[in-house]
């Protein structure tokens, strides 16, 4: 297989940049395992949220309590405007 030309590389780079840009705006959550073994969630805000396995399990185990707490305090929470 021959080496790609400069123009082919530029076109591929442009395509990949568009894919990354689309993914950033898609609203999808992306999960990654970091170097230190934590699970990071990308797509919630500007920075990822990273917790370790036990921390995620503890948080997920209280999901119903968290939902209830948020509903009870909804009037005090800052909410994004629905577009």
C-alpha atoms as a PDB file:
ATOM      1  CA  UNK A   1       0.000   0.000   0.000  1.00  0.00           C
ATOM      2  CA  UNK A   2       1.401   3.386  -0.980  1.00  0.00           C
ATOM      3  CA  UNK A   3       1.794   6.372   1.317  1.00  0.00           C
ATOM      4  CA  UNK A   4      -1.150   8.812   1.279  1.00  0.00           C
ATOM      5  CA  UNK A   5      -0.565  12.105  -0.453  1.00  0.00           C
ATOM      6  CA  UNK A   6      -0.485  15.407   1.360  1.00  0.00           C
ATOM      7  CA  UNK A   7      -3.910  16.268  -0.061  1.00  0.00           C
ATOM      8  CA  UNK A   8      -5.352  12.922   1.093  1.00  0.00           C
ATOM      9  CA  UNK A   9      -3.995  13.511   4.595  1.00  0.00           C
ATOM     10  CA  UNK A  10      -5.468  17.021   4.673  1.00  0.00           C
ATOM     11  CA  UNK A  11      -8.856  15.679   3.581  1.00  0.00           C
ATOM     12  CA  UNK A  12      -8.758  12.929   6.221  1.00  0.00           C
ATOM     13  CA  UNK A  13      -7.783  15.416   8.934  1.00  0.00           C
ATOM     14  CA  UNK A  14     -10.651  17.684   7.918  1.00  0.00           C
ATOM     15  CA  UNK A  15     -13.072  14.749   8.056  1.00  0.00           C
ATOM     16  CA  UNK A  16     -11.868  13.717  11.534  1.00  0.00           C
ATOM     17  CA  UNK A  17     -12.126  17.296  12.830  1.00  0.00           C
ATOM     18  CA  UNK A  18     -15.740  17.459  11.621  1.00  0.00           C
ATOM     19  CA  UNK A  19     -16.512  14.143  13.362  1.00  0.00           C
ATOM     20  CA  UNK A  20     -15.038  15.398  16.639  1.00  0.00           C
ATOM     21  CA  UNK A  21     -16.937  18.680  16.365  1.00  0.00           C
ATOM     22  CA  UNK A  22     -20.193  16.824  15.680  1.00  0.00           C
ATOM     23  CA  UNK A  23     -19.632  14.514  18.621  1.00  0.00           C
ATOM     24  CA  UNK A  24     -18.980  17.477  20.935  1.00  0.00           C
ATOM     25  CA  UNK A  25     -22.332  18.999  20.017  1.00  0.00           C
ATOM     26  CA  UNK A  26     -24.313  15.774  19.928  1.00  0.00           C
ATOM     27  CA  UNK A  27     -25.087  15.778  23.639  1.00  0.00           C
ATOM     28  CA  UNK A  28     -23.957  12.166  23.925  1.00  0.00           C
ATOM     29  CA  UNK A  29     -22.248  11.022  27.083  1.00  0.00           C
ATOM     30  CA  UNK A  30     -18.909   9.326  26.546  1.00  0.00           C
ATOM     31  CA  UNK A  31     -17.302   7.023  29.109  1.00  0.00           C
ATOM     32  CA  UNK A  32     -13.553   6.431  29.361  1.00  0.00           C
ATOM     33  CA  UNK A  33     -11.258   4.638  31.775  1.00  0.00           C
ATOM     34  CA  UNK A  34      -8.393   6.902  32.800  1.00  0.00           C
ATOM     35  CA  UNK A  35      -4.756   6.043  33.448  1.00  0.00           C
ATOM     36  CA  UNK A  36      -5.350   5.765  37.194  1.00  0.00           C
ATOM     37  CA  UNK A  37      -8.365   3.475  36.784  1.00  0.00           C
ATOM     38  CA  UNK A  38     -11.158   5.971  37.271  1.00  0.00           C
ATOM     39  CA  UNK A  39     -14.220   6.153  35.051  1.00  0.00           C
ATOM     40  CA  UNK A  40     -14.687   9.539  33.420  1.00  0.00           C
ATOM     41  CA  UNK A  41     -17.947  10.785  31.943  1.00  0.00           C
ATOM     42  CA  UNK A  42     -17.602  13.373  29.201  1.00  0.00           C
ATOM     43  CA  UNK A  43     -20.476  15.479  27.894  1.00  0.00           C
ATOM     44  CA  UNK A  44     -22.073  16.715  31.123  1.00  0.00           C
ATOM     45  CA  UNK A  45     -20.219  20.008  31.190  1.00  0.00           C
ATOM     46  CA  UNK A  46     -16.945  21.635  30.287  1.00  0.00           C
ATOM     47  CA  UNK A  47     -14.886  19.120  32.255  1.00  0.00           C
ATOM     48  CA  UNK A  48     -15.309  15.374  32.699  1.00  0.00           C
ATOM     49  CA  UNK A  49     -16.661  13.863  35.913  1.00  0.00           C
ATOM     50  CA  UNK A  50     -14.274  11.174  37.178  1.00  0.00           C
ATOM     51  CA  UNK A  51     -14.919   8.714  39.985  1.00  0.00           C
ATOM     52  CA  UNK A  52     -13.542   5.313  40.890  1.00  0.00           C
ATOM     53  CA  UNK A  53     -15.537   2.077  40.611  1.00  0.00           C
ATOM     54  CA  UNK A  54     -16.665   2.057  44.255  1.00  0.00           C
ATOM     55  CA  UNK A  55     -17.663   5.712  44.102  1.00  0.00           C
ATOM     56  CA  UNK A  56     -19.799   5.184  40.980  1.00  0.00           C
ATOM     57  CA  UNK A  57     -21.510   2.195  42.605  1.00  0.00           C
ATOM     58  CA  UNK A  58     -22.184   4.189  45.772  1.00  0.00           C
ATOM     59  CA  UNK A  59     -23.598   7.110  43.774  1.00  0.00           C
ATOM     60  CA  UNK A  60     -25.702   4.876  41.519  1.00  0.00           C
ATOM     61  CA  UNK A  61     -27.034   3.069  44.581  1.00  0.00           C
ATOM     62  CA  UNK A  62     -28.514   6.333  45.819  1.00  0.00           C
ATOM     63  CA  UNK A  63     -30.023   7.345  42.453  1.00  0.00           C
ATOM     64  CA  UNK A  64     -33.628   7.273  43.720  1.00  0.00           C
ATOM     65  CA  UNK A  65     -32.708   9.327  46.799  1.00  0.00           C
ATOM     66  CA  UNK A  66     -30.874  11.823  44.591  1.00  0.00           C
ATOM     67  CA  UNK A  67     -33.841  12.151  42.221  1.00  0.00           C
ATOM     68  CA  UNK A  68     -36.186  12.692  45.168  1.00  0.00           C
ATOM     69  CA  UNK A  69     -33.848  15.270  46.723  1.00  0.00           C
ATOM     70  CA  UNK A  70     -33.598  17.183  43.435  1.00  0.00           C
ATOM     71  CA  UNK A  71     -37.371  17.246  42.969  1.00  0.00           C
ATOM     72  CA  UNK A  72     -37.881  18.467  46.539  1.00  0.00           C
ATOM     73  CA  UNK A  73     -35.340  21.247  45.972  1.00  0.00           C
ATOM     74  CA  UNK A  74     -36.122  22.041  42.344  1.00  0.00           C
ATOM     75  CA  UNK A  75     -37.230  25.587  43.154  1.00  0.00           C
ATOM     76  CA  UNK A  76     -33.760  26.335  44.575  1.00  0.00           C
ATOM     77  CA  UNK A  77     -31.812  24.723  41.738  1.00  0.00           C
ATOM     78  CA  UNK A  78     -30.501  26.521  38.700  1.00  0.00           C
ATOM     79  CA  UNK A  79     -32.081  24.979  35.606  1.00  0.00           C
ATOM     80  CA  UNK A  80     -31.081  25.416  31.998  1.00  0.00           C
ATOM     81  CA  UNK A  81     -33.773  27.154  30.024  1.00  0.00           C
ATOM     82  CA  UNK A  82     -35.675  24.789  27.772  1.00  0.00           C
ATOM     83  CA  UNK A  83     -35.251  25.904  24.147  1.00  0.00           C
END
